[in-house]
């Protein structure tokens, strides 16, 4: 996955904690695809995975409910 997400250090401004906590207005300006890509990127950063990381299918099991 190419690194198209970069920190723009010029985009920040001083604000109150309440203003800084309001991310909803920013994300509503983004398309659904952009939101999903950003979420996918953050998940990959958290777990240290990439698109090439194989899925570990031994973690989960399936069973029939009674």
N, C-alpha and C. Protein backbone atom coordinates (compact mmCIF):
# COMPACT_ATOMS: atom_id res chain seq x y z
N UNK A 1 0.86 -1.18 0.00
CA UNK A 1 0.00 0.00 0.00
C UNK A 1 0.90 1.23 0.00
N UNK A 2 0.68 2.05 -0.96
CA UNK A 2 1.51 3.26 -1.03
C UNK A 2 1.17 4.19 0.12
N UNK A 3 2.14 4.97 0.52
CA UNK A 3 1.96 5.87 1.66
C UNK A 3 1.43 7.21 1.16
N UNK A 4 0.11 7.28 0.90
CA UNK A 4 -0.48 8.53 0.44
C UNK A 4 -0.99 9.38 1.58
N UNK A 5 -0.94 8.84 2.79
CA UNK A 5 -1.35 9.60 3.96
C UNK A 5 -0.11 10.17 4.62
N UNK A 6 0.00 11.47 4.62
CA UNK A 6 1.15 12.13 5.21
C UNK A 6 0.66 13.22 6.17
N UNK A 7 1.42 13.47 7.19
CA UNK A 7 1.05 14.48 8.16
C UNK A 7 1.38 15.87 7.61
N UNK A 8 0.36 16.69 7.45
CA UNK A 8 0.54 18.06 6.98
C UNK A 8 0.65 18.96 8.21
N UNK A 9 1.86 19.31 8.58
CA UNK A 9 2.09 20.08 9.80
C UNK A 9 1.61 21.52 9.69
N UNK A 10 1.30 21.99 8.49
CA UNK A 10 0.81 23.35 8.32
C UNK A 10 -0.71 23.42 8.49
N UNK A 11 -1.37 22.29 8.64
CA UNK A 11 -2.83 22.26 8.70
C UNK A 11 -3.37 22.45 10.11
N UNK A 12 -2.52 22.57 11.09
CA UNK A 12 -2.97 22.67 12.48
C UNK A 12 -3.15 24.12 12.90
N UNK A 13 -4.04 24.31 13.86
CA UNK A 13 -4.26 25.64 14.43
C UNK A 13 -4.60 25.47 15.91
N UNK A 14 -4.43 26.50 16.66
CA UNK A 14 -4.76 26.46 18.08
C UNK A 14 -6.27 26.42 18.24
N UNK A 15 -6.74 25.54 19.12
CA UNK A 15 -8.17 25.42 19.36
C UNK A 15 -8.41 24.90 20.76
N UNK A 16 -9.65 25.00 21.19
CA UNK A 16 -10.00 24.47 22.51
C UNK A 16 -10.11 22.95 22.41
N UNK A 17 -10.14 22.29 23.56
CA UNK A 17 -10.26 20.84 23.58
C UNK A 17 -11.58 20.39 22.97
N UNK A 18 -12.64 21.15 23.22
CA UNK A 18 -13.95 20.79 22.67
C UNK A 18 -13.95 20.90 21.14
N UNK A 19 -13.34 21.95 20.60
CA UNK A 19 -13.26 22.11 19.15
C UNK A 19 -12.39 21.01 18.53
N UNK A 20 -11.30 20.70 19.19
CA UNK A 20 -10.39 19.69 18.67
C UNK A 20 -11.01 18.30 18.71
N UNK A 21 -11.96 18.08 19.59
CA UNK A 21 -12.59 16.78 19.73
C UNK A 21 -13.68 16.55 18.68
N UNK A 22 -14.08 17.57 17.95
CA UNK A 22 -15.15 17.45 16.96
C UNK A 22 -14.57 17.04 15.61
N UNK A 23 -14.47 15.74 15.39
CA UNK A 23 -13.94 15.23 14.12
C UNK A 23 -15.06 14.95 13.12
N UNK A 24 -16.29 14.97 13.57
CA UNK A 24 -17.41 14.61 12.72
C UNK A 24 -17.53 15.55 11.52
N UNK A 25 -17.39 16.83 11.74
CA UNK A 25 -17.52 17.80 10.65
C UNK A 25 -16.47 17.57 9.57
N UNK A 26 -15.25 17.24 9.98
CA UNK A 26 -14.19 16.99 9.01
C UNK A 26 -14.49 15.74 8.18
N UNK A 27 -14.87 14.65 8.85
CA UNK A 27 -15.06 13.39 8.14
C UNK A 27 -16.32 13.40 7.29
N UNK A 28 -17.27 14.26 7.59
CA UNK A 28 -18.46 14.36 6.73
C UNK A 28 -18.14 15.03 5.39
N UNK A 29 -17.02 15.75 5.32
CA UNK A 29 -16.63 16.35 4.05
C UNK A 29 -15.94 15.34 3.14
N UNK A 30 -15.59 14.18 3.66
CA UNK A 30 -14.90 13.15 2.90
C UNK A 30 -15.91 12.16 2.32
N UNK A 31 -15.55 11.55 1.19
CA UNK A 31 -16.42 10.53 0.60
C UNK A 31 -16.33 9.25 1.42
N UNK A 32 -17.28 8.37 1.20
CA UNK A 32 -17.29 7.09 1.91
C UNK A 32 -16.01 6.32 1.62
N UNK A 33 -15.57 6.34 0.38
CA UNK A 33 -14.34 5.64 0.00
C UNK A 33 -13.13 6.19 0.76
N UNK A 34 -13.03 7.51 0.85
CA UNK A 34 -11.90 8.12 1.57
C UNK A 34 -11.93 7.75 3.05
N UNK A 35 -13.12 7.69 3.64
CA UNK A 35 -13.25 7.31 5.05
C UNK A 35 -12.81 5.87 5.26
N UNK A 36 -13.24 4.97 4.36
CA UNK A 36 -12.85 3.57 4.48
C UNK A 36 -11.35 3.39 4.28
N UNK A 37 -10.77 4.10 3.33
CA UNK A 37 -9.33 4.01 3.11
C UNK A 37 -8.55 4.49 4.33
N UNK A 38 -9.02 5.56 4.95
CA UNK A 38 -8.34 6.08 6.13
C UNK A 38 -8.46 5.10 7.29
N UNK A 39 -9.63 4.50 7.46
CA UNK A 39 -9.81 3.50 8.51
C UNK A 39 -8.95 2.27 8.28
N UNK A 40 -8.89 1.82 7.04
CA UNK A 40 -8.05 0.68 6.69
C UNK A 40 -6.58 0.98 6.96
N UNK A 41 -6.16 2.16 6.62
CA UNK A 41 -4.78 2.59 6.87
C UNK A 41 -4.47 2.59 8.37
N UNK A 42 -5.38 3.14 9.17
CA UNK A 42 -5.16 3.20 10.62
C UNK A 42 -5.12 1.80 11.25
N UNK A 43 -5.99 0.90 10.78
CA UNK A 43 -5.98 -0.48 11.28
C UNK A 43 -4.67 -1.15 10.94
N UNK A 44 -4.20 -0.96 9.71
CA UNK A 44 -2.92 -1.55 9.30
C UNK A 44 -1.77 -0.99 10.13
N UNK A 45 -1.79 0.29 10.43
CA UNK A 45 -0.74 0.88 11.25
C UNK A 45 -0.77 0.32 12.67
N UNK A 46 -1.94 0.13 13.22
CA UNK A 46 -2.07 -0.37 14.58
C UNK A 46 -1.57 -1.81 14.70
N UNK A 47 -1.98 -2.66 13.75
CA UNK A 47 -1.62 -4.07 13.83
C UNK A 47 -0.31 -4.40 13.12
N UNK A 48 0.28 -3.42 12.44
CA UNK A 48 1.55 -3.66 11.74
C UNK A 48 1.41 -4.57 10.54
N UNK A 49 0.30 -4.46 9.83
CA UNK A 49 0.06 -5.31 8.67
C UNK A 49 0.15 -4.50 7.39
N UNK A 50 0.15 -5.20 6.26
CA UNK A 50 0.10 -4.60 4.94
C UNK A 50 -0.91 -5.37 4.10
N UNK A 51 -1.07 -4.97 2.85
CA UNK A 51 -1.96 -5.71 1.96
C UNK A 51 -1.44 -7.12 1.70
N UNK A 52 -0.13 -7.31 1.80
CA UNK A 52 0.48 -8.60 1.52
C UNK A 52 0.50 -9.53 2.74
N UNK A 53 0.11 -9.07 3.91
CA UNK A 53 0.11 -9.90 5.11
C UNK A 53 -0.95 -10.99 4.98
N UNK A 54 -0.56 -12.26 5.13
CA UNK A 54 -1.56 -13.33 5.01
C UNK A 54 -2.50 -13.34 6.20
N UNK A 55 -3.72 -13.76 5.97
CA UNK A 55 -4.73 -13.84 7.01
C UNK A 55 -4.50 -15.10 7.83
N UNK A 56 -4.42 -14.97 9.15
CA UNK A 56 -4.23 -16.11 10.04
C UNK A 56 -5.60 -16.72 10.33
N UNK A 57 -5.92 -17.79 9.66
CA UNK A 57 -7.24 -18.42 9.79
C UNK A 57 -7.33 -19.36 10.98
N UNK A 58 -6.27 -19.48 11.76
CA UNK A 58 -6.31 -20.37 12.93
C UNK A 58 -6.81 -19.63 14.17
N UNK A 59 -7.01 -18.35 14.09
CA UNK A 59 -7.43 -17.57 15.25
C UNK A 59 -8.88 -17.82 15.58
N UNK A 60 -9.72 -17.95 14.58
CA UNK A 60 -11.14 -18.11 14.79
C UNK A 60 -11.60 -19.52 14.47
N UNK A 61 -12.65 -19.92 15.13
CA UNK A 61 -13.27 -21.23 14.85
C UNK A 61 -14.73 -21.01 14.54
N UNK A 62 -15.31 -21.98 13.88
CA UNK A 62 -16.74 -21.91 13.62
C UNK A 62 -17.41 -23.16 14.17
N UNK A 63 -18.62 -23.01 14.61
CA UNK A 63 -19.37 -24.13 15.14
C UNK A 63 -20.86 -23.89 14.89
N UNK A 64 -21.59 -24.94 14.93
CA UNK A 64 -23.03 -24.86 14.70
C UNK A 64 -23.73 -24.53 16.01
N UNK A 65 -24.65 -23.59 15.96
CA UNK A 65 -25.41 -23.24 17.16
C UNK A 65 -26.50 -24.26 17.41
N UNK A 66 -26.79 -24.47 18.68
CA UNK A 66 -27.87 -25.42 19.05
C UNK A 66 -29.23 -24.75 18.94
